[in-house]
Protein backbone atom coordinates (compact mmCIF):
# COMPACT_ATOMS: atom_id res chain seq x y z
CA MET A 1 154.95 -83.94 15.23
CA PRO A 2 152.29 -83.16 17.72
CA ARG A 3 150.25 -80.04 17.16
CA PRO A 4 150.64 -77.19 19.75
CA SER A 5 147.71 -76.82 21.95
CA ARG A 6 147.90 -73.02 21.71
CA PRO A 7 148.54 -70.96 18.57
CA ASN A 8 151.74 -69.03 18.54
CA ALA A 9 151.90 -65.24 19.12
CA ALA A 10 152.16 -64.36 15.36
CA THR A 11 148.96 -66.37 14.68
CA GLU A 12 147.08 -64.67 17.54
CA ALA A 13 148.21 -61.30 16.33
CA ALA A 14 147.01 -61.99 12.76
CA GLU A 15 143.70 -63.23 13.91
CA LYS A 16 143.08 -60.22 16.17
CA TYR A 17 144.11 -57.92 13.29
CA ALA A 18 141.78 -59.54 10.99
CA GLU A 19 138.93 -59.39 13.47
CA ASN A 20 139.39 -55.74 14.17
CA HIS A 21 139.79 -54.87 10.52
CA ALA A 22 136.50 -56.68 9.78
CA LYS A 23 134.75 -54.79 12.58
CA GLN A 24 136.05 -51.43 11.07
CA ILE A 25 134.75 -52.39 7.61
CA ILE A 26 131.33 -53.34 8.96
CA LYS A 27 131.08 -50.16 10.87
CA LYS A 28 131.99 -48.02 7.73
CA VAL A 29 129.43 -49.95 5.60
CA ASP A 30 126.77 -49.49 8.17
CA ASN A 31 127.45 -45.77 8.36
CA CYS A 32 127.72 -45.28 4.56
CA PRO A 33 124.94 -42.87 3.29
CA ILE A 34 124.96 -44.58 -0.15
CA THR A 35 123.49 -47.87 -1.15
CA ASP A 36 124.44 -50.18 -4.00
CA PHE A 37 122.06 -48.28 -6.38
CA GLY A 38 123.18 -44.78 -5.53
CA ARG A 39 120.11 -44.05 -3.32
CA GLU A 40 120.65 -42.44 -0.01
CA ARG A 41 120.33 -44.92 2.81
CA LYS A 42 117.54 -43.79 5.14
CA HIS A 43 116.42 -45.61 8.18
CA MET A 44 112.77 -45.93 7.15
CA PRO A 45 110.24 -48.73 7.78
CA GLN A 46 109.64 -51.46 5.29
CA PHE A 47 106.22 -52.15 3.82
CA ASP A 48 105.03 -55.35 2.25
CA PHE A 49 102.24 -55.18 -0.33
CA SER A 50 101.16 -56.62 -3.61
CA LEU A 51 99.98 -54.95 -6.89
CA VAL A 52 97.97 -56.89 -9.53
CA VAL A 53 99.14 -55.72 -12.90
CA SER A 54 97.77 -56.13 -16.43
CA SER A 55 98.93 -54.97 -19.93
CA ILE A 56 102.21 -56.89 -19.49
CA ASP A 57 103.19 -59.37 -22.09
CA TRP A 58 104.68 -62.02 -19.79
CA ASP A 59 105.85 -63.99 -22.94
CA ASP A 60 108.14 -61.16 -23.62
CA ASP A 61 111.56 -62.09 -21.83
CA GLY A 62 112.30 -58.50 -21.17
CA PHE A 63 109.36 -57.46 -18.98
CA GLU A 64 111.13 -58.42 -15.66
CA TYR A 65 114.20 -56.37 -16.82
CA ALA A 66 111.85 -53.39 -17.70
CA LEU A 67 110.33 -53.56 -14.28
CA PHE A 68 113.75 -53.76 -12.59
CA GLU A 69 114.98 -50.77 -14.58
CA ALA A 70 111.84 -48.75 -13.64
CA GLY A 71 112.63 -49.08 -9.98
CA CYS A 72 110.81 -52.23 -9.11
CA ASP A 73 113.92 -54.07 -7.97
CA ASP A 74 112.24 -54.59 -4.53
CA ALA A 75 109.37 -56.71 -6.13
CA LEU A 76 108.89 -60.43 -6.61
CA VAL A 77 107.11 -61.25 -9.78
CA SER A 78 104.38 -64.11 -9.91
CA PHE A 79 101.37 -64.98 -11.87
CA ASP A 80 97.83 -65.69 -10.70
CA LYS A 81 94.77 -66.12 -12.88
CA GLY A 82 96.23 -64.47 -15.95
CA PHE A 83 97.52 -61.54 -14.12
CA VAL A 84 100.98 -60.51 -13.06
CA VAL A 85 101.36 -60.02 -9.27
CA LEU A 86 104.18 -57.99 -7.93
CA ASP A 87 104.90 -58.53 -4.18
CA PHE A 88 106.83 -55.54 -2.91
CA THR A 89 108.98 -54.95 0.13
CA ARG A 90 109.48 -51.19 -0.13
CA GLN A 91 111.24 -48.77 2.23
CA GLU A 92 109.45 -45.53 2.45
CA ASN A 93 108.13 -43.01 5.13
CA ASN A 94 104.67 -44.64 5.18
CA LEU A 95 102.55 -47.16 3.38
CA ALA A 96 100.72 -44.66 1.19
CA HIS A 97 103.98 -43.27 -0.20
CA ALA A 98 105.36 -46.80 -0.75
CA VAL A 99 102.31 -47.88 -2.78
CA ALA A 100 102.20 -44.64 -4.68
CA THR A 101 105.85 -44.87 -5.67
CA ALA A 102 105.42 -48.58 -6.65
CA ILE A 103 102.51 -47.77 -8.85
CA LYS A 104 104.30 -44.94 -10.51
CA ASP A 105 107.30 -47.14 -11.13
CA VAL A 106 105.12 -50.00 -12.64
CA GLU A 107 103.09 -47.68 -14.71
CA SER A 108 106.29 -46.07 -16.20
CA THR A 109 106.84 -49.45 -18.01
CA GLY A 110 103.49 -49.19 -19.75
CA ALA A 111 101.80 -51.75 -17.50
CA LYS A 112 98.52 -50.91 -15.74
CA VAL A 113 97.98 -51.52 -12.06
CA VAL A 114 94.53 -53.20 -11.58
CA ARG A 115 94.35 -53.14 -7.79
CA ARG A 116 96.33 -53.60 -4.66
CA ALA A 117 96.03 -57.14 -3.36
């Protein structure tokens, strides 16, 4: 049996409904004041920076989890010349505040920030 060249009215109505429903959900998510982690969503700029960290036992399997739990969920962990380097993409009002809050979060785990890279 040949396929109709045009979908029937019921199919068109279902597709239109699904498209409108998806647009409504996206609009609600975009306007939601709460993010996944319970923090208020604020339209602030993002800042990229790195912190060189010492006093972390990178042989310990839990150090990444400890950083995550301390609020460093916006950092990528890497290693360079015996140091742990945390590359942050942090949303804050300004760069100084972004760096200060990252340092506070890192040091709450017992690690020591050596310098900003």
